[in-house]
PDB file of N, CA and C in Angstrom:
ATOM      1  N   MET A   1     -11.599  12.118   5.870  1.00  0.00           N
ATOM      2  CA  MET A   1     -10.626  11.517   6.740  1.00  0.00           C
ATOM      3  C   MET A   1     -10.843  10.026   6.751  1.00  0.00           C
ATOM      4  N   ASN A   2     -12.100   9.550   6.925  1.00  0.00           N
ATOM      5  CA  ASN A   2     -12.428   8.208   7.009  1.00  0.00           C
ATOM      6  C   ASN A   2     -11.918   7.405   5.761  1.00  0.00           C
ATOM      7  N   ASP A   3     -12.102   8.073   4.548  1.00  0.00           N
ATOM      8  CA  ASP A   3     -11.693   7.419   3.338  1.00  0.00           C
ATOM      9  C   ASP A   3     -10.193   7.148   3.326  1.00  0.00           C
ATOM     10  N   MET A   4      -9.407   8.139   3.773  1.00  0.00           N
ATOM     11  CA  MET A   4      -8.011   8.030   3.872  1.00  0.00           C
ATOM     12  C   MET A   4      -7.563   6.780   4.831  1.00  0.00           C
ATOM     13  N   LYS A   5      -8.119   6.778   5.917  1.00  0.00           N
ATOM     14  CA  LYS A   5      -7.872   5.778   6.924  1.00  0.00           C
ATOM     15  C   LYS A   5      -8.303   4.318   6.326  1.00  0.00           C
ATOM     16  N   ASN A   6      -9.536   4.299   5.773  1.00  0.00           N
ATOM     17  CA  ASN A   6      -9.878   3.075   5.244  1.00  0.00           C
ATOM     18  C   ASN A   6      -8.975   2.581   4.079  1.00  0.00           C
ATOM     19  N   MET A   7      -8.616   3.498   3.156  1.00  0.00           N
ATOM     20  CA  MET A   7      -7.734   3.099   2.136  1.00  0.00           C
ATOM     21  C   MET A   7      -6.327   2.607   2.658  1.00  0.00           C
ATOM     22  N   SER A   8      -5.928   3.300   3.668  1.00  0.00           N
ATOM     23  CA  SER A   8      -4.558   2.993   4.258  1.00  0.00           C
ATOM     24  C   SER A   8      -4.651   1.564   4.919  1.00  0.00           C
ATOM     25  N   THR A   9      -5.781   1.307   5.607  1.00  0.00           N
ATOM     26  CA  THR A   9      -5.942  -0.003   6.239  1.00  0.00           C
ATOM     27  C   THR A   9      -5.983  -1.035   5.195  1.00  0.00           C
ATOM     28  N   GLN A  10      -6.703  -0.833   4.054  1.00  0.00           N
ATOM     29  CA  GLN A  10      -6.766  -1.788   3.034  1.00  0.00           C
ATOM     30  C   GLN A  10      -5.446  -2.083   2.336  1.00  0.00           C
ATOM     31  N   LEU A  11      -4.639  -1.011   2.187  1.00  0.00           N
ATOM     32  CA  LEU A  11      -3.270  -1.177   1.671  1.00  0.00           C
ATOM     33  C   LEU A  11      -2.403  -1.999   2.562  1.00  0.00           C
ATOM     34  N   SER A  12      -2.517  -1.751   3.907  1.00  0.00           N
ATOM     35  CA  SER A  12      -1.819  -2.475   4.917  1.00  0.00           C
ATOM     36  C   SER A  12      -2.168  -3.969   4.859  1.00  0.00           C
ATOM     37  N   ALA A  13      -3.438  -4.211   4.791  1.00  0.00           N
ATOM     38  CA  ALA A  13      -3.928  -5.638   4.769  1.00  0.00           C
ATOM     39  C   ALA A  13      -3.433  -6.394   3.501  1.00  0.00           C
ATOM     40  N   ILE A  14      -3.485  -5.723   2.379  1.00  0.00           N
ATOM     41  CA  ILE A  14      -3.014  -6.334   1.090  1.00  0.00           C
ATOM     42  C   ILE A  14      -1.513  -6.512   1.116  1.00  0.00           C
ATOM     43  N   GLN A  15      -0.798  -5.611   1.683  1.00  0.00           N
ATOM     44  CA  GLN A  15       0.672  -5.711   1.856  1.00  0.00           C
ATOM     45  C   GLN A  15       1.029  -6.920   2.730  1.00  0.00           C
ATOM     46  N   PHE A  16       0.316  -7.003   3.755  1.00  0.00           N
ATOM     47  CA  PHE A  16       0.481  -8.193   4.728  1.00  0.00           C
ATOM     48  C   PHE A  16       0.276  -9.515   3.986  1.00  0.00           C
ATOM     49  N   ALA A  17      -0.773  -9.625   3.311  1.00  0.00           N
ATOM     50  CA  ALA A  17      -1.100 -10.854   2.573  1.00  0.00           C
ATOM     51  C   ALA A  17      -0.020 -11.104   1.556  1.00  0.00           C
ATOM     52  N   MET A  18       0.386 -10.057   0.815  1.00  0.00           N
ATOM     53  CA  MET A  18       1.533 -10.243  -0.131  1.00  0.00           C
ATOM     54  C   MET A  18       2.792 -10.749   0.462  1.00  0.00           C
ATOM     55  N   TRP A  19       3.121 -10.172   1.632  1.00  0.00           N
ATOM     56  CA  TRP A  19       4.360 -10.617   2.402  1.00  0.00           C
ATOM     57  C   TRP A  19       4.234 -12.018   2.744  1.00  0.00           C
ATOM     58  N   GLU A  20       3.048 -12.401   3.302  1.00  0.00           N
ATOM     59  CA  GLU A  20       2.921 -13.872   3.767  1.00  0.00           C
ATOM     60  C   GLU A  20       2.977 -14.806   2.555  1.00  0.00           C
ATOM     61  N   LEU A  21       2.392 -14.422   1.428  1.00  0.00           N
ATOM     62  CA  LEU A  21       2.490 -15.256   0.263  1.00  0.00           C
ATOM     63  C   LEU A  21       3.882 -15.261  -0.295  1.00  0.00           C
ATOM     64  N   HIS A  22       4.669 -14.186  -0.148  1.00  0.00           N
ATOM     65  CA  HIS A  22       6.078 -14.119  -0.553  1.00  0.00           C
ATOM     66  C   HIS A  22       6.833 -15.150   0.237  1.00  0.00           C
ATOM     67  N   LEU A  23       6.683 -15.121   1.572  1.00  0.00           N
ATOM     68  CA  LEU A  23       7.390 -16.070   2.444  1.00  0.00           C
ATOM     69  C   LEU A  23       7.053 -17.496   2.016  1.00  0.00           C
ATOM     70  N   TYR A  24       5.750 -17.727   1.830  1.00  0.00           N
ATOM     71  CA  TYR A  24       5.283 -19.118   1.469  1.00  0.00           C
ATOM     72  C   TYR A  24       5.946 -19.596   0.089  1.00  0.00           C
ATOM     73  N   LEU A  25       5.979 -18.652  -0.785  1.00  0.00           N
ATOM     74  CA  LEU A  25       6.563 -18.952  -2.173  1.00  0.00           C
ATOM     75  C   LEU A  25       8.019 -19.231  -2.090  1.00  0.00           C
ATOM     76  N   ASP A  26       8.711 -18.683  -1.055  1.00  0.00           N
ATOM     77  CA  ASP A  26      10.166 -18.861  -0.913  1.00  0.00           C
ATOM     78  C   ASP A  26      10.435 -20.349  -0.726  1.00  0.00           C
ATOM     79  N   THR A  27       9.486 -21.098  -0.032  1.00  0.00           N
ATOM     80  CA  THR A  27       9.680 -22.536   0.323  1.00  0.00           C
ATOM     81  C   THR A  27       8.757 -23.433  -0.612  1.00  0.00           C
ATOM     82  N   HIS A  28       7.795 -22.841  -1.421  1.00  0.00           N
ATOM     83  CA  HIS A  28       6.945 -23.562  -2.264  1.00  0.00           C
ATOM     84  C   HIS A  28       6.938 -22.843  -3.620  1.00  0.00           C
ATOM     85  N   PRO A  29       7.991 -22.801  -4.299  1.00  0.00           N
ATOM     86  CA  PRO A  29       8.010 -22.067  -5.567  1.00  0.00           C
ATOM     87  C   PRO A  29       7.158 -22.703  -6.728  1.00  0.00           C
ATOM     88  N   GLU A  30       6.830 -23.936  -6.504  1.00  0.00           N
ATOM     89  CA  GLU A  30       6.119 -24.639  -7.522  1.00  0.00           C
ATOM     90  C   GLU A  30       4.610 -24.460  -7.390  1.00  0.00           C
ATOM     91  N   ASP A  31       4.096 -23.744  -6.316  1.00  0.00           N
ATOM     92  CA  ASP A  31       2.623 -23.632  -6.032  1.00  0.00           C
ATOM     93  C   ASP A  31       2.155 -22.497  -6.904  1.00  0.00           C
ATOM     94  N   ILE A  32       1.572 -22.841  -8.093  1.00  0.00           N
ATOM     95  CA  ILE A  32       1.158 -21.907  -9.036  1.00  0.00           C
ATOM     96  C   ILE A  32      -0.067 -21.190  -8.559  1.00  0.00           C
ATOM     97  N   SER A  33      -0.940 -21.811  -7.833  1.00  0.00           N
ATOM     98  CA  SER A  33      -2.183 -21.169  -7.303  1.00  0.00           C
ATOM     99  C   SER A  33      -1.747 -20.000  -6.294  1.00  0.00           C
ATOM    100  N   ALA A  34      -0.705 -20.197  -5.492  1.00  0.00           N
ATOM    101  CA  ALA A  34      -0.259 -19.231  -4.605  1.00  0.00           C
ATOM    102  C   ALA A  34       0.375 -18.080  -5.385  1.00  0.00           C
ATOM    103  N   LEU A  35       1.075 -18.392  -6.373  1.00  0.00           N
ATOM    104  CA  LEU A  35       1.692 -17.293  -7.246  1.00  0.00           C
ATOM    105  C   LEU A  35       0.583 -16.485  -7.987  1.00  0.00           C
ATOM    106  N   LYS A  36      -0.396 -17.100  -8.334  1.00  0.00           N
ATOM    107  CA  LYS A  36      -1.513 -16.319  -9.044  1.00  0.00           C
ATOM    108  C   LYS A  36      -2.241 -15.507  -7.994  1.00  0.00           C
ATOM    109  N   LEU A  37      -2.379 -15.957  -6.803  1.00  0.00           N
ATOM    110  CA  LEU A  37      -2.977 -15.179  -5.671  1.00  0.00           C
ATOM    111  C   LEU A  37      -2.119 -13.868  -5.336  1.00  0.00           C
ATOM    112  N   TYR A  38      -0.727 -14.223  -5.374  1.00  0.00           N
ATOM    113  CA  TYR A  38       0.142 -13.141  -5.100  1.00  0.00           C
ATOM    114  C   TYR A  38      -0.013 -12.045  -6.147  1.00  0.00           C
ATOM    115  N   ASN A  39      -0.054 -12.443  -7.413  1.00  0.00           N
ATOM    116  CA  ASN A  39      -0.109 -11.568  -8.514  1.00  0.00           C
ATOM    117  C   ASN A  39      -1.521 -10.759  -8.449  1.00  0.00           C
ATOM    118  N   LYS A  40      -2.526 -11.445  -8.050  1.00  0.00           N
ATOM    119  CA  LYS A  40      -3.829 -10.782  -7.937  1.00  0.00           C
ATOM    120  C   LYS A  40      -3.729  -9.665  -6.895  1.00  0.00           C
ATOM    121  N   TYR A  41      -3.146 -10.007  -5.717  1.00  0.00           N
ATOM    122  CA  TYR A  41      -2.959  -9.065  -4.622  1.00  0.00           C
ATOM    123  C   TYR A  41      -2.117  -7.948  -5.015  1.00  0.00           C
ATOM    124  N   GLU A  42      -1.103  -8.190  -5.841  1.00  0.00           N
ATOM    125  CA  GLU A  42      -0.082  -7.168  -6.284  1.00  0.00           C
ATOM    126  C   GLU A  42      -0.901  -6.159  -7.222  1.00  0.00           C
ATOM    127  N   GLU A  43      -1.765  -6.654  -8.079  1.00  0.00           N
ATOM    128  CA  GLU A  43      -2.503  -5.791  -8.998  1.00  0.00           C
ATOM    129  C   GLU A  43      -3.445  -4.968  -8.155  1.00  0.00           C
ATOM    130  N   LYS A  44      -4.186  -5.579  -7.170  1.00  0.00           N
ATOM    131  CA  LYS A  44      -5.017  -4.814  -6.389  1.00  0.00           C
ATOM    132  C   LYS A  44      -4.349  -3.736  -5.625  1.00  0.00           C
ATOM    133  N   TYR A  45      -3.135  -4.133  -5.040  1.00  0.00           N
ATOM    134  CA  TYR A  45      -2.377  -3.191  -4.212  1.00  0.00           C
ATOM    135  C   TYR A  45      -1.924  -1.938  -5.161  1.00  0.00           C
ATOM    136  N   CYS A  46      -1.507  -2.243  -6.318  1.00  0.00           N
ATOM    137  CA  CYS A  46      -1.021  -1.083  -7.253  1.00  0.00           C
ATOM    138  C   CYS A  46      -2.141  -0.144  -7.586  1.00  0.00           C
ATOM    139  N   ALA A  47      -3.273  -0.732  -7.893  1.00  0.00           N
ATOM    140  CA  ALA A  47      -4.544   0.023  -8.278  1.00  0.00           C
ATOM    141  C   ALA A  47      -4.947   0.836  -7.089  1.00  0.00           C
ATOM    142  N   LEU A  48      -4.998   0.289  -5.889  1.00  0.00           N
ATOM    143  CA  LEU A  48      -5.407   1.060  -4.648  1.00  0.00           C
ATOM    144  C   LEU A  48      -4.394   2.075  -4.301  1.00  0.00           C
ATOM    145  N   LEU A  49      -3.107   1.777  -4.419  1.00  0.00           N
ATOM    146  CA  LEU A  49      -2.072   2.762  -4.166  1.00  0.00           C
ATOM    147  C   LEU A  49      -2.172   3.933  -5.124  1.00  0.00           C
ATOM    148  N   GLU A  50      -2.456   3.694  -6.425  1.00  0.00           N
ATOM    149  CA  GLU A  50      -2.722   4.823  -7.342  1.00  0.00           C
ATOM    150  C   GLU A  50      -3.823   5.690  -7.060  1.00  0.00           C
ATOM    151  N   GLU A  51      -4.925   5.059  -6.597  1.00  0.00           N
ATOM    152  CA  GLU A  51      -6.147   5.765  -6.169  1.00  0.00           C
ATOM    153  C   GLU A  51      -5.847   6.578  -4.975  1.00  0.00           C
ATOM    154  N   TYR A  52      -5.162   5.994  -3.971  1.00  0.00           N
ATOM    155  CA  TYR A  52      -4.792   6.700  -2.727  1.00  0.00           C
ATOM    156  C   TYR A  52      -3.953   7.948  -2.968  1.00  0.00           C
ATOM    157  N   GLU A  53      -2.891   7.752  -3.818  1.00  0.00           N
ATOM    158  CA  GLU A  53      -1.978   8.799  -4.001  1.00  0.00           C
ATOM    159  C   GLU A  53      -2.647   9.869  -4.959  1.00  0.00           C
ATOM    160  N   ALA A  54      -3.630   9.522  -5.824  1.00  0.00           N
ATOM    161  CA  ALA A  54      -4.340  10.526  -6.629  1.00  0.00           C
ATOM    162  C   ALA A  54      -5.212  11.452  -5.652  1.00  0.00           C
ATOM    163  N   LYS A  55      -5.632  10.872  -4.531  1.00  0.00           N
ATOM    164  CA  LYS A  55      -6.589  11.580  -3.635  1.00  0.00           C
ATOM    165  C   LYS A  55      -5.770  12.415  -2.559  1.00  0.00           C
ATOM    166  N   PHE A  56      -4.712  11.735  -2.012  1.00  0.00           N
ATOM    167  CA  PHE A  56      -4.066  12.210  -0.790  1.00  0.00           C
ATOM    168  C   PHE A  56      -2.607  12.509  -0.978  1.00  0.00           C
ATOM    169  N   GLY A  57      -2.054  12.193  -2.145  1.00  0.00           N
ATOM    170  CA  GLY A  57      -0.552  12.455  -2.354  1.00  0.00           C
ATOM    171  C   GLY A  57       0.225  11.217  -2.033  1.00  0.00           C
ATOM    172  N   PRO A  58       1.591  11.226  -2.269  1.00  0.00           N
ATOM    173  CA  PRO A  58       2.447  10.108  -2.061  1.00  0.00           C
ATOM    174  C   PRO A  58       2.338   9.460  -0.774  1.00  0.00           C
ATOM    175  N   LEU A  59       2.304   8.209  -0.692  1.00  0.00           N
ATOM    176  CA  LEU A  59       2.290   7.487   0.528  1.00  0.00           C
ATOM    177  C   LEU A  59       3.643   7.334   1.094  1.00  0.00           C
ATOM    178  N   TYR A  60       4.576   7.155   0.198  1.00  0.00           N
ATOM    179  CA  TYR A  60       6.052   7.061   0.555  1.00  0.00           C
ATOM    180  C   TYR A  60       6.856   8.145  -0.017  1.00  0.00           C
ATOM    181  N   SER A  61       7.893   8.479   0.595  1.00  0.00           N
ATOM    182  CA  SER A  61       8.731   9.580   0.251  1.00  0.00           C
ATOM    183  C   SER A  61       9.486   9.273  -1.115  1.00  0.00           C
ATOM    184  N   THR A  62       9.562   8.033  -1.488  1.00  0.00           N
ATOM    185  CA  THR A  62      10.244   7.583  -2.759  1.00  0.00           C
ATOM    186  C   THR A  62       9.253   7.633  -3.979  1.00  0.00           C
ATOM    187  N   ARG A  63       7.997   8.032  -3.681  1.00  0.00           N
ATOM    188  CA  ARG A  63       6.986   8.037  -4.858  1.00  0.00           C
ATOM    189  C   ARG A  63       6.605   9.563  -5.126  1.00  0.00           C
ATOM    190  N   GLY A  64       6.287   9.773  -6.294  1.00  0.00           N
ATOM    191  CA  GLY A  64       5.802  11.104  -6.699  1.00  0.00           C
ATOM    192  C   GLY A  64       7.019  11.974  -6.993  1.00  0.00           C
ATOM    193  N   THR A  65       6.674  13.212  -7.190  1.00  0.00           N
ATOM    194  CA  THR A  65       7.717  14.168  -7.442  1.00  0.00           C
ATOM    195  C   THR A  65       8.517  14.424  -6.152  1.00  0.00           C
ATOM    196  N   PRO A  66       9.820  14.116  -6.200  1.00  0.00           N
ATOM    197  CA  PRO A  66      10.663  14.138  -5.013  1.00  0.00           C
ATOM    198  C   PRO A  66      10.606  15.539  -4.353  1.00  0.00           C
ATOM    199  N   GLY A  67      10.297  15.623  -3.111  1.00  0.00           N
ATOM    200  CA  GLY A  67      10.321  16.854  -2.266  1.00  0.00           C
ATOM    201  C   GLY A  67       9.295  17.873  -2.645  1.00  0.00           C
ATOM    202  N   VAL A  68       8.358  17.533  -3.375  1.00  0.00           N
ATOM    203  CA  VAL A  68       7.270  18.514  -3.694  1.00  0.00           C
ATOM    204  C   VAL A  68       6.122  18.293  -2.759  1.00  0.00           C
ATOM    205  N   ARG A  69       5.259  17.280  -3.206  1.00  0.00           N
ATOM    206  CA  ARG A  69       4.017  17.033  -2.360  1.00  0.00           C
ATOM    207  C   ARG A  69       4.301  16.500  -1.030  1.00  0.00           C
ATOM    208  N   TRP A  70       5.446  15.768  -0.885  1.00  0.00           N
ATOM    209  CA  TRP A  70       5.682  15.115   0.384  1.00  0.00           C
ATOM    210  C   TRP A  70       5.850  16.150   1.504  1.00  0.00           C
ATOM    211  N   LEU A  71       6.457  17.272   1.152  1.00  0.00           N
ATOM    212  CA  LEU A  71       6.824  18.233   2.125  1.00  0.00           C
ATOM    213  C   LEU A  71       5.717  19.246   2.552  1.00  0.00           C
ATOM    214  N   LYS A  72       4.573  19.099   1.843  1.00  0.00           N
ATOM    215  CA  LYS A  72       3.496  20.028   2.091  1.00  0.00           C
ATOM    216  C   LYS A  72       2.633  19.438   3.212  1.00  0.00           C
ATOM    217  N   ASN A  73       2.055  20.446   3.879  1.00  0.00           N
ATOM    218  CA  ASN A  73       1.091  20.084   5.000  1.00  0.00           C
ATOM    219  C   ASN A  73      -0.172  19.580   4.408  1.00  0.00           C
ATOM    220  N   PRO A  74      -0.949  18.830   5.165  1.00  0.00           N
ATOM    221  CA  PRO A  74      -0.601  18.193   6.450  1.00  0.00           C
ATOM    222  C   PRO A  74       0.268  17.026   6.355  1.00  0.00           C
ATOM    223  N   TRP A  75       1.122  16.815   7.261  1.00  0.00           N
ATOM    224  CA  TRP A  75       2.026  15.605   7.327  1.00  0.00           C
ATOM    225  C   TRP A  75       1.134  14.436   7.744  1.00  0.00           C
ATOM    226  N   PRO A  76       1.571  13.124   7.505  1.00  0.00           N
ATOM    227  CA  PRO A  76       0.753  12.019   7.892  1.00  0.00           C
ATOM    228  C   PRO A  76       0.413  11.995   9.356  1.00  0.00           C
ATOM    229  N   TRP A  77       1.271  12.449  10.230  1.00  0.00           N
ATOM    230  CA  TRP A  77       0.976  12.381  11.677  1.00  0.00           C
ATOM    231  C   TRP A  77       0.097  13.512  12.166  1.00  0.00           C
ATOM    232  N   ASP A  78      -0.156  14.463  11.206  1.00  0.00           N
ATOM    233  CA  ASP A  78      -1.096  15.555  11.613  1.00  0.00           C
ATOM    234  C   ASP A  78      -2.568  15.264  11.617  1.00  0.00           C
ATOM    235  N   TYR A  79      -2.874  14.012  11.010  1.00  0.00           N
ATOM    236  CA  TYR A  79      -4.298  13.591  10.978  1.00  0.00           C
ATOM    237  C   TYR A  79      -4.657  13.034  12.379  1.00  0.00           C
ATOM    238  N   GLU A  80      -5.993  13.115  12.580  1.00  0.00           N
ATOM    239  CA  GLU A  80      -6.516  12.592  13.786  1.00  0.00           C
ATOM    240  C   GLU A  80      -6.188  11.152  13.945  1.00  0.00           C
ATOM    241  N   GLY A  81      -5.769  10.742  15.120  1.00  0.00           N
ATOM    242  CA  GLY A  81      -5.405   9.234  15.388  1.00  0.00           C
ATOM    243  C   GLY A  81      -3.915   9.028  15.183  1.00  0.00           C
ATOM    244  N   GLY A  82      -3.089  10.000  14.754  1.00  0.00           N
ATOM    245  CA  GLY A  82      -1.731   9.767  14.713  1.00  0.00           C
ATOM    246  C   GLY A  82      -1.183   9.035  13.643  1.00  0.00           C
ATOM    247  N   GLY A  83      -1.979   8.729  12.621  1.00  0.00           N
ATOM    248  CA  GLY A  83      -1.478   7.911  11.483  1.00  0.00           C
ATOM    249  C   GLY A  83      -1.376   6.442  11.779  1.00  0.00           C
ATOM    250  N   CYS A  84      -0.141   6.005  11.715  1.00  0.00           N
ATOM    251  CA  CYS A  84       0.105   4.622  11.950  1.00  0.00           C
ATOM    252  C   CYS A  84      -0.223   4.165  13.280  1.00  0.00           C
TER     253      CYS A  84
END
């Protein structure tokens, strides 16, 4: 369970950093170093998301085989701590 929570926390942190960089790049599109950093975080996010989903199943209902693994128990809120 700790592995799931740790990976979920890492995904959230990377996603937050990506969003902040996205907002920054909206007003500073010429900042190549920020764009490179965004791309680095995106690669890291995609790799971690694949690892997470290989271990625990789809994180989002739009990923994986529709309606198959997502509907199987346990649901995300069934875990200790209530998920989000």
